[in-house]
């Protein structure tokens, strides 16, 4: 697939890195910063073009005439929308994806309907991160909470700790512990290395366990991996920017929320709009302020400012002062890997969260949802099965008869309104939504071929 990425910011660079690693993709990146593009070209097998992403001459130089997809990820909503419109009007580019940050645009769908701006898919990293953090708060103790099939199935990532009922026991004992629930363990990571889950696999304290479950079964399974935690009541948010403000607005009806913002004007604006959130003007890394606001009573402290070093420091300080669980928005993957699991409980990566929304439109086969995991090393995919036993490698076959790439687990099937956990004798039917976990994303093309319409068995 020929893909043009407009914008080489954090999200654009991550998209270029992820997409260029797949042999089927030819990637071109456009940006006004020549230095960033040279650095990208030195590290990745991509083309680069310097210039304004909305200018027809620049899009033409990037190869828009023959491109399959344009992904507009600049920091300007207006540039992204104009670029998509130009790509459609002049070159008929089939798929146009735009990053839209402002709710003034995203909350007016009529702008993008027939006869309006030609943007096929809108992506708001800020909204995606807000929803991601909201799910983590609803499930205390989770490292990842990912939706599939409209939220009917979720993939949960957790760190097993002493006190969990399954810790120190074999996986096959799970059915004895929760006989009326059907849950599938999709992957286990121990000291950073992937372990294929088998019946005789013993869960150890410190293991990072990913499991797939219907929404109503999640909390029951969480108790198997760690002691049950009380629901989150008190939340302290650092930063009243796009993400912090959205999160406060989403939580204030059900939680006691405090929002700390060092910019007095921004703090005043947030206080005027938010109804039940207590907005404080100050520095979230100020120990005196945190003590005054009883940070030791906070169930969750989440730092969402634009400065990742400040996020790290304020989260570490909040943890030292007694906050039960702390999260920090961290853009650099190397920082995130160093911090998560230590003083900081969860490192939030906007790029990793956003890239999944792009990958669903790039993958081979009919893919409804993609989530990038473990800094892009693993993926969870919701693919739709089509055809019959003659035209499809999966339809009409039991799970044990399907040849899956190494490190791939088929976890669950959504059939209409039913959620079916995958067992060796489960048969896949046409139009099933199949949830898969790949510990090695190098096999995504092989998985995609299984779900391509009209794919032939070899």
Protein backbone atom coordinates (compact mmCIF):
# COMPACT_ATOMS: atom_id res chain seq x y z
CA UNK A 1 0.00 0.00 0.00
CA UNK A 2 1.27 3.46 -0.90
CA UNK A 3 0.78 5.76 2.12
CA UNK A 4 1.53 9.47 2.49
CA UNK A 5 1.89 10.77 6.07
CA UNK A 6 1.54 14.52 6.50
CA UNK A 7 3.30 15.81 9.61
CA UNK A 8 6.39 14.45 11.36
CA UNK A 9 5.42 15.23 14.93
CA UNK A 10 5.33 12.55 17.64
CA UNK A 11 2.27 10.82 16.19
CA UNK A 12 3.45 11.17 12.59
CA UNK A 13 6.89 9.74 13.36
CA UNK A 14 5.36 6.80 15.22
CA UNK A 15 3.02 6.13 12.30
CA UNK A 16 5.93 6.25 9.87
CA UNK A 17 7.95 3.86 12.02
CA UNK A 18 5.13 1.35 12.41
CA UNK A 19 3.91 1.40 8.81
CA UNK A 20 7.34 1.37 7.15
CA UNK A 21 8.27 -1.81 9.05
CA UNK A 22 5.70 -3.71 7.01
CA UNK A 23 7.06 -4.77 3.63
CA UNK A 24 3.73 -4.26 1.88
CA UNK A 25 3.81 -0.50 2.59
CA UNK A 26 5.64 2.27 0.73
CA UNK A 27 5.66 5.32 3.02
CA UNK A 28 6.30 8.99 2.22
CA UNK A 29 6.44 11.63 4.99
CA UNK A 30 5.81 15.35 4.38
CA UNK A 31 6.81 18.08 6.84
CA UNK A 32 8.14 21.63 6.85
CA UNK A 33 11.08 20.68 9.11
CA UNK A 34 13.94 19.47 6.94
CA UNK A 35 16.07 18.40 9.92
CA UNK A 36 13.41 16.04 11.33
CA UNK A 37 12.85 14.51 7.89
CA UNK A 38 16.58 13.87 7.39
CA UNK A 39 16.72 12.11 10.75
CA UNK A 40 13.69 9.98 9.83
CA UNK A 41 15.16 9.06 6.46
CA UNK A 42 18.43 7.99 8.10
CA UNK A 43 16.56 5.57 10.37
CA UNK A 44 13.66 4.35 8.21
CA UNK A 45 13.15 3.08 4.68
CA UNK A 46 10.89 5.93 3.59
CA UNK A 47 10.70 8.88 1.17
CA UNK A 48 10.45 12.43 2.51
CA UNK A 49 9.24 15.70 1.01
CA UNK A 50 9.81 19.14 2.55
CA UNK A 51 6.96 21.63 2.33
CA UNK A 52 3.45 22.66 3.31
CA UNK A 53 1.27 19.55 3.44
CA UNK A 54 -1.81 21.35 2.06
CA UNK A 55 -0.13 22.67 -1.11
CA UNK A 56 -1.03 20.76 -4.30
CA UNK A 57 2.57 20.92 -5.60
CA UNK A 58 3.87 19.32 -2.40
CA UNK A 59 1.21 16.59 -2.45
CA UNK A 60 2.05 15.93 -6.09
CA UNK A 61 5.75 15.64 -5.26
CA UNK A 62 4.85 13.15 -2.52
CA UNK A 63 3.09 10.96 -5.08
CA UNK A 64 -0.52 11.72 -4.21
CA UNK A 65 -1.65 10.84 -7.75
CA UNK A 66 -0.94 7.15 -7.13
CA UNK A 67 -1.32 6.99 -3.34
CA UNK A 68 -3.77 4.56 -1.75
CA UNK A 69 -4.05 6.55 1.48
CA UNK A 70 -3.24 9.97 2.88
CA UNK A 71 -2.86 10.35 6.66
CA UNK A 72 -2.90 14.01 7.72
CA UNK A 73 -1.32 14.30 11.19
CA UNK A 74 0.02 17.86 11.31
CA UNK A 75 -0.65 20.03 14.36
CA UNK A 76 -3.15 22.12 12.38
CA UNK A 77 -6.71 20.85 11.93
CA UNK A 78 -7.15 23.27 9.03
CA UNK A 79 -4.07 22.03 7.18
CA UNK A 80 -5.18 18.43 7.69
CA UNK A 81 -8.69 19.06 6.35
CA UNK A 82 -7.51 21.12 3.36
CA UNK A 83 -4.90 18.47 2.49
CA UNK A 84 -7.58 15.76 2.44
CA UNK A 85 -9.85 17.95 0.29
CA UNK A 86 -7.03 18.69 -2.17
CA UNK A 87 -6.11 14.99 -2.34
CA UNK A 88 -9.71 14.13 -3.16
CA UNK A 89 -10.41 16.94 -5.63
CA UNK A 90 -7.17 16.78 -7.61
CA UNK A 91 -6.03 13.18 -7.27
CA UNK A 92 -9.03 11.08 -6.15
CA UNK A 93 -7.05 9.53 -3.28
CA UNK A 94 -9.17 6.55 -2.09
CA UNK A 95 -8.70 6.86 1.71
CA UNK A 96 -8.20 10.13 3.55
CA UNK A 97 -7.57 10.18 7.33
CA UNK A 98 -7.24 13.43 9.27
CA UNK A 99 -6.23 14.32 12.79
CA UNK A 100 -8.93 16.67 14.12
CA UNK A 101 -8.23 18.09 17.57
CA UNK A 102 -10.85 20.81 17.97
CA UNK A 103 -14.31 19.75 19.11
CA UNK A 104 -15.67 22.69 17.08
CA UNK A 105 -15.02 20.50 14.02
CA UNK A 106 -15.35 16.97 15.39
CA UNK A 107 -18.76 17.63 16.98
CA UNK A 108 -20.20 18.83 13.66
CA UNK A 109 -20.45 15.64 11.55
CA UNK A 110 -22.39 17.47 8.82
CA UNK A 111 -19.07 19.06 7.80
CA UNK A 112 -17.84 15.66 6.65
CA UNK A 113 -21.02 14.28 5.10
CA UNK A 114 -21.67 14.03 1.37
CA UNK A 115 -21.08 17.39 -0.24
CA UNK A 116 -18.88 18.54 2.64
CA UNK A 117 -15.18 18.10 3.36
CA UNK A 118 -13.79 14.85 2.01
CA UNK A 119 -12.35 13.29 5.18
CA UNK A 120 -13.10 9.56 5.39
CA UNK A 121 -11.84 9.01 8.94
CA UNK A 122 -11.35 11.55 11.74
CA UNK A 123 -8.83 10.79 14.48
CA UNK A 124 -8.56 12.76 17.71
CA UNK A 125 -5.55 11.55 19.74
CA UNK A 126 -6.74 13.68 22.64
CA UNK A 127 -10.14 11.98 22.72
CA UNK A 128 -8.61 8.52 22.31
CA UNK A 129 -6.25 9.15 25.24
CA UNK A 130 -9.11 10.53 27.36
CA UNK A 131 -11.21 7.41 26.74
CA UNK A 132 -8.17 5.18 27.44
CA UNK A 133 -7.46 6.82 30.81
CA UNK A 134 -11.16 6.75 31.69
CA UNK A 135 -11.25 2.96 31.18
CA UNK A 136 -8.14 2.51 33.36
CA UNK A 137 -9.82 4.47 36.14
CA UNK A 138 -12.99 2.35 35.88
CA UNK A 139 -10.90 -0.83 36.30
CA UNK A 140 -8.43 -0.16 39.17
CA UNK A 141 -5.25 -2.20 38.77
CA UNK A 142 -5.43 -2.58 34.99
CA UNK A 143 -2.52 -1.55 32.76
CA UNK A 144 -4.54 -1.81 29.54
CA UNK A 145 -8.29 -1.87 28.89
CA UNK A 146 -9.07 -2.27 25.19
CA UNK A 147 -12.50 -2.46 23.57
CA UNK A 148 -13.64 -4.81 20.82
CA UNK A 149 -17.02 -5.36 19.17
CA UNK A 150 -18.45 -2.13 20.50
CA UNK A 151 -17.29 -2.82 24.07
CA UNK A 152 -18.92 -6.24 24.40
CA UNK A 153 -15.46 -7.85 24.60
CA UNK A 154 -12.45 -6.34 26.31
CA UNK A 155 -8.77 -7.18 26.45
CA UNK A 156 -7.32 -6.42 29.88
CA UNK A 157 -3.64 -6.23 30.73
CA UNK A 158 -2.70 -6.61 34.41
CA UNK A 159 0.33 -7.29 36.56
CA UNK A 160 -0.22 -10.34 38.79
CA UNK A 161 0.56 -9.73 42.45
CA UNK A 162 0.69 -11.81 45.61
CA UNK A 163 -2.83 -12.27 46.94
CA UNK A 164 -4.39 -12.99 43.56
CA UNK A 165 -6.26 -16.28 43.68
CA UNK A 166 -4.57 -17.69 40.55
CA UNK A 167 -1.04 -16.54 41.41
CA UNK A 168 1.12 -19.61 42.07
CA UNK A 169 -1.39 -21.89 40.31
CA UNK A 170 -1.66 -23.44 36.86
CA UNK A 171 -3.89 -21.81 34.26
CA UNK A 172 -6.04 -24.95 33.98
CA UNK A 173 -7.24 -24.27 37.54
CA UNK A 174 -8.97 -21.10 36.37
CA UNK A 175 -12.14 -23.03 35.47
CA UNK A 176 -12.34 -24.42 39.00
CA UNK A 177 -11.93 -20.93 40.47
CA UNK A 178 -14.60 -19.27 38.29
CA UNK A 179 -16.71 -22.14 36.89
CA UNK A 180 -19.56 -19.96 35.64
CA UNK A 181 -17.31 -17.53 33.74
CA UNK A 182 -15.52 -18.06 30.45
CA UNK A 183 -12.26 -16.13 30.14
CA UNK A 184 -9.26 -16.67 27.86
CA UNK A 185 -5.68 -15.78 28.77
CA UNK A 186 -4.19 -14.47 25.52
CA UNK A 187 -0.59 -13.72 26.52
CA UNK A 188 1.80 -13.66 29.45
CA UNK A 189 4.96 -11.56 29.71
CA UNK A 190 7.52 -12.50 32.35
CA UNK A 191 10.50 -10.19 32.86
CA UNK A 192 9.79 -8.66 29.45
CA UNK A 193 9.69 -11.99 27.57
CA UNK A 194 6.59 -13.54 26.05
CA UNK A 195 5.37 -16.92 27.37
CA UNK A 196 2.79 -18.90 25.41
CA UNK A 197 -0.09 -19.61 27.85
CA UNK A 198 -0.74 -23.35 28.28
CA UNK A 199 -2.82 -25.32 30.77
CA UNK A 200 0.22 -26.14 32.91
CA UNK A 201 1.60 -22.56 32.86
CA UNK A 202 1.96 -21.27 36.43
CA UNK A 203 1.12 -17.60 36.99
CA UNK A 204 3.88 -15.89 38.97
CA UNK A 205 3.79 -12.59 40.88
CA UNK A 206 5.07 -9.87 38.56
CA UNK A 207 3.75 -11.51 35.37
CA UNK A 208 2.01 -9.16 32.95
CA UNK A 209 -1.12 -11.08 31.94
CA UNK A 210 -3.42 -10.18 29.05
CA UNK A 211 -6.85 -11.80 29.11
CA UNK A 212 -9.97 -11.54 26.94
CA UNK A 213 -13.40 -11.54 28.55
CA UNK A 214 -16.96 -10.41 28.06
CA UNK A 215 -17.53 -7.09 29.81
CA UNK A 216 -19.51 -8.62 32.70
CA UNK A 217 -16.74 -11.14 33.50
CA UNK A 218 -13.82 -8.71 33.76
CA UNK A 219 -13.90 -7.89 37.48
CA UNK A 220 -14.22 -11.56 38.41
CA UNK A 221 -11.05 -12.36 36.45
CA UNK A 222 -9.19 -9.37 37.86
CA UNK A 223 -9.54 -10.84 41.36
CA UNK A 224 -7.72 -13.95 40.10
CA UNK A 225 -4.60 -11.88 39.42
CA UNK A 226 -4.54 -9.41 42.30
CA UNK A 227 -6.45 -8.51 45.43
CA UNK A 228 -9.70 -6.69 44.75
CA UNK A 229 -9.43 -2.91 44.79
CA UNK A 230 -12.14 -0.47 45.80
CA UNK A 231 -13.74 1.62 43.04
CA UNK A 232 -11.97 4.90 42.33
CA UNK A 233 -13.63 7.90 44.00
CA UNK A 234 -11.04 10.67 44.26
CA UNK A 235 -9.08 11.68 41.15
CA UNK A 236 -6.45 14.42 40.88
CA UNK A 237 -5.56 15.58 37.35
CA UNK A 238 -2.51 17.69 36.54
CA UNK A 239 -2.94 19.82 33.44
CA UNK A 240 -6.08 21.49 32.06
CA UNK A 241 -5.09 21.14 28.42
CA UNK A 242 -7.17 19.26 25.84
CA UNK A 243 -6.77 15.87 27.51
CA UNK A 244 -6.88 16.93 31.16
CA UNK A 245 -9.95 19.10 30.62
CA UNK A 246 -11.80 16.37 28.68
CA UNK A 247 -10.97 13.81 31.35
CA UNK A 248 -12.23 16.06 34.15
CA UNK A 249 -15.46 16.68 32.27
CA UNK A 250 -15.93 12.94 31.65
CA UNK A 251 -15.30 12.00 35.30
CA UNK A 252 -16.84 14.80 37.33
CA UNK A 253 -20.36 13.33 37.37
CA UNK A 254 -19.20 10.08 38.99
CA UNK A 255 -15.97 11.02 40.82
CA UNK A 256 -14.55 13.68 43.12
CA UNK A 257 -12.20 15.47 40.72
CA UNK A 258 -9.50 18.07 41.36
CA UNK A 259 -7.78 19.69 38.38
CA UNK A 260 -4.43 21.47 38.87
CA UNK A 261 -3.30 23.96 36.19
CA UNK A 262 -0.30 26.28 36.45
CA UNK A 263 -1.55 28.76 33.79
CA UNK A 264 -4.01 31.07 35.64
CA UNK A 265 -5.96 31.97 32.47
CA UNK A 266 -6.42 28.34 31.48
CA UNK A 267 -7.37 27.43 35.05
CA UNK A 268 -9.99 30.20 35.08
CA UNK A 269 -11.49 29.02 31.76
CA UNK A 270 -11.68 25.42 33.02
CA UNK A 271 -13.34 26.55 36.27
CA UNK A 272 -15.98 28.47 34.30
CA UNK A 273 -16.96 25.49 32.15
CA UNK A 274 -16.63 22.52 34.51
CA UNK A 275 -19.52 22.02 36.90
CA UNK A 276 -18.36 19.83 39.80
CA UNK A 277 -14.58 19.80 39.37
CA UNK A 278 -12.46 21.76 41.85
CA UNK A 279 -9.95 23.69 39.71
CA UNK A 280 -6.72 24.80 41.40
CA UNK A 281 -4.24 27.30 39.97
CA UNK A 282 -0.76 26.03 40.79
CA UNK A 283 2.09 23.66 39.99
CA UNK A 284 1.33 19.93 40.32
CA UNK A 285 5.00 19.37 41.21
CA UNK A 286 4.67 21.69 44.23
CA UNK A 287 4.92 19.43 47.28
CA UNK A 288 3.25 21.98 49.53
CA UNK A 289 0.23 22.27 47.23
CA UNK A 290 -0.19 18.50 46.97
CA UNK A 291 -0.02 18.13 50.76
CA UNK A 292 -2.57 20.92 51.22
CA UNK A 293 -4.92 19.11 48.85
CA UNK A 294 -4.54 15.80 50.73
CA UNK A 295 -2.85 13.93 47.92
CA UNK A 296 -2.54 10.90 50.23
CA UNK A 297 -6.34 10.51 49.96
CA UNK A 298 -6.26 10.39 46.13
CA UNK A 299 -7.19 7.06 44.57
CA UNK A 300 -5.64 8.15 41.25
CA UNK A 301 -3.23 10.94 40.30
CA UNK A 302 -2.83 11.42 36.55
CA UNK A 303 -0.44 13.96 35.04
CA UNK A 304 -1.45 15.10 31.54
CA UNK A 305 0.51 18.29 30.84
CA UNK A 306 2.38 18.94 27.59
CA UNK A 307 5.76 18.51 29.33
CA UNK A 308 6.56 14.84 29.88
CA UNK A 309 9.42 15.55 32.30
CA UNK A 310 6.99 17.54 34.45
CA UNK A 311 4.49 14.68 34.20
CA UNK A 312 7.09 12.19 35.40
CA UNK A 313 8.26 14.35 38.29
CA UNK A 314 4.77 15.27 39.53
CA UNK A 315 3.57 11.65 39.31
CA UNK A 316 6.63 10.40 41.23
CA UNK A 317 6.11 13.10 43.86
CA UNK A 318 2.41 12.29 44.21
CA UNK A 319 3.25 8.61 44.68
CA UNK A 320 5.84 9.41 47.35
CA UNK A 321 3.30 11.58 49.16
CA UNK A 322 0.76 8.77 49.33
CA UNK A 323 -1.38 8.77 46.15
CA UNK A 324 -2.61 5.20 45.70
CA UNK A 325 -2.06 4.94 41.94
CA UNK A 326 -0.30 7.34 39.58
CA UNK A 327 -0.27 7.70 35.82
CA UNK A 328 1.77 9.98 33.57
CA UNK A 329 1.52 11.01 29.92
CA UNK A 330 4.91 10.17 28.40
CA UNK A 331 5.69 10.65 24.71
CA UNK A 332 9.18 9.14 24.48
CA UNK A 333 8.94 5.31 24.37
CA UNK A 334 12.31 4.96 26.11
CA UNK A 335 11.07 7.07 29.04
CA UNK A 336 7.83 5.09 29.23
CA UNK A 337 9.66 1.76 29.43
CA UNK A 338 11.94 3.06 32.19
CA UNK A 339 9.14 4.51 34.28
CA UNK A 340 6.22 2.05 34.06
CA UNK A 341 6.04 -0.58 36.77
CA UNK A 342 8.32 1.36 39.11
CA UNK A 343 7.17 4.47 40.95
CA UNK A 344 4.78 5.25 38.10
CA UNK A 345 2.04 2.64 37.76
CA UNK A 346 0.96 3.42 34.18
CA UNK A 347 2.84 5.28 31.46
CA UNK A 348 0.34 6.64 28.92
CA UNK A 349 1.65 6.77 25.35
CA UNK A 350 -0.49 8.91 23.00
CA UNK A 351 1.31 7.54 19.95
CA UNK A 352 0.67 3.89 20.83
CA UNK A 353 -3.00 4.63 21.55
CA UNK A 354 -3.45 6.58 18.30
CA UNK A 355 -1.61 4.22 15.97
CA UNK A 356 -4.23 1.50 16.40
CA UNK A 357 -6.87 3.77 14.88
CA UNK A 358 -4.68 4.09 11.79
CA UNK A 359 -3.67 0.44 11.52
CA UNK A 360 -7.28 -0.74 11.23
CA UNK A 361 -7.42 1.02 7.85
CA UNK A 362 -4.07 -0.32 6.63
CA UNK A 363 -4.32 -4.00 7.54
CA UNK A 364 -5.07 -6.64 4.92
CA UNK A 365 -8.40 -8.41 5.21
CA UNK A 366 -11.52 -7.01 6.85
CA UNK A 367 -10.16 -5.57 10.10
CA UNK A 368 -12.57 -3.71 12.38
CA UNK A 369 -10.21 -2.79 15.22
CA UNK A 370 -6.48 -2.78 15.97
CA UNK A 371 -4.72 -2.00 19.25
CA UNK A 372 -0.96 -1.56 19.40
CA UNK A 373 0.60 -2.98 22.59
CA UNK A 374 3.92 -3.06 24.39
CA UNK A 375 5.34 -0.02 22.57
CA UNK A 376 4.32 -1.45 19.19
CA UNK A 377 5.87 -4.92 19.61
CA UNK A 378 2.49 -6.70 19.92
CA UNK A 379 -1.00 -6.20 18.52
CA UNK A 380 -4.58 -7.14 19.27
CA UNK A 381 -6.84 -7.37 16.23
CA UNK A 382 -10.57 -7.71 15.61
CA UNK A 383 -10.95 -9.31 12.18
CA UNK A 384 -14.15 -10.30 10.36
CA UNK A 385 -14.37 -13.73 8.71
CA UNK A 386 -15.89 -13.89 5.21
CA UNK A 387 -16.61 -16.56 2.63
CA UNK A 388 -17.06 -20.29 3.14
CA UNK A 389 -14.92 -23.39 3.67
CA UNK A 390 -13.86 -23.29 0.00
CA UNK A 391 -12.79 -19.67 -0.19
CA UNK A 392 -11.61 -18.95 3.37
CA UNK A 393 -8.78 -20.48 5.44
CA UNK A 394 -10.84 -19.98 8.63
CA UNK A 395 -14.59 -20.22 7.93
CA UNK A 396 -16.06 -23.65 8.69
CA UNK A 397 -12.96 -24.77 10.56
CA UNK A 398 -12.30 -25.48 14.21
CA UNK A 399 -9.69 -23.42 16.04
CA UNK A 400 -7.33 -26.40 16.26
CA UNK A 401 -7.46 -26.84 12.46
CA UNK A 402 -6.46 -23.24 11.70
CA UNK A 403 -2.74 -22.73 11.17
CA UNK A 404 -1.94 -19.53 13.04
CA UNK A 405 1.46 -17.79 12.90
CA UNK A 406 3.78 -18.33 15.89
CA UNK A 407 2.82 -16.32 18.98
CA UNK A 408 -0.75 -15.76 17.78
CA UNK A 409 -3.70 -16.56 20.07
CA UNK A 410 -7.30 -16.64 18.89
CA UNK A 411 -9.09 -15.49 22.02
CA UNK A 412 -12.76 -14.84 21.37
CA UNK A 413 -15.49 -14.73 18.75
CA UNK A 414 -18.39 -12.29 18.62
CA UNK A 415 -21.30 -13.79 16.68
CA UNK A 416 -24.24 -11.42 16.50
CA UNK A 417 -25.04 -10.55 20.10
CA UNK A 418 -23.20 -13.61 21.50
CA UNK A 419 -19.66 -13.60 22.90
CA UNK A 420 -17.95 -16.98 22.53
CA UNK A 421 -14.58 -17.72 24.15
CA UNK A 422 -12.45 -19.67 21.69
CA UNK A 423 -11.73 -23.33 22.49
CA UNK A 424 -10.00 -25.96 20.36
CA UNK A 425 -13.32 -27.29 18.97
CA UNK A 426 -14.97 -23.90 18.33
CA UNK A 427 -15.98 -23.52 14.67
CA UNK A 428 -15.68 -20.12 12.96
CA UNK A 429 -18.65 -19.06 10.88
CA UNK A 430 -19.02 -16.40 8.17
CA UNK A 431 -19.34 -12.85 9.55
CA UNK A 432 -17.86 -13.78 12.93
CA UNK A 433 -15.77 -11.06 14.57
CA UNK A 434 -12.59 -12.83 15.67
CA UNK A 435 -10.34 -11.35 18.39
CA UNK A 436 -6.65 -12.26 18.06
CA UNK A 437 -3.55 -11.41 20.07
CA UNK A 438 -0.13 -11.31 18.35
CA UNK A 439 2.94 -11.26 20.59
CA UNK A 440 5.06 -10.64 17.46
CA UNK A 441 3.60 -8.04 15.12
CA UNK A 442 5.88 -9.22 12.31
CA UNK A 443 3.18 -11.82 11.62
CA UNK A 444 0.35 -9.33 11.04
CA UNK A 445 0.46 -9.80 7.26
CA UNK A 446 0.05 -13.56 7.61
CA UNK A 447 -2.92 -13.04 9.94
CA UNK A 448 -4.43 -10.51 7.54
CA UNK A 449 -4.29 -13.00 4.68
CA UNK A 450 -6.41 -15.43 6.69
CA UNK A 451 -9.23 -12.88 6.74
CA UNK A 452 -9.01 -11.56 3.19
CA UNK A 453 -12.22 -11.98 1.22
CA UNK A 454 -11.72 -14.65 -1.41
CA UNK A 455 -8.46 -15.90 0.12
CA UNK A 456 -7.53 -19.37 -1.09
CA UNK A 457 -6.11 -22.27 0.84
CA UNK A 458 -2.70 -23.39 -0.27
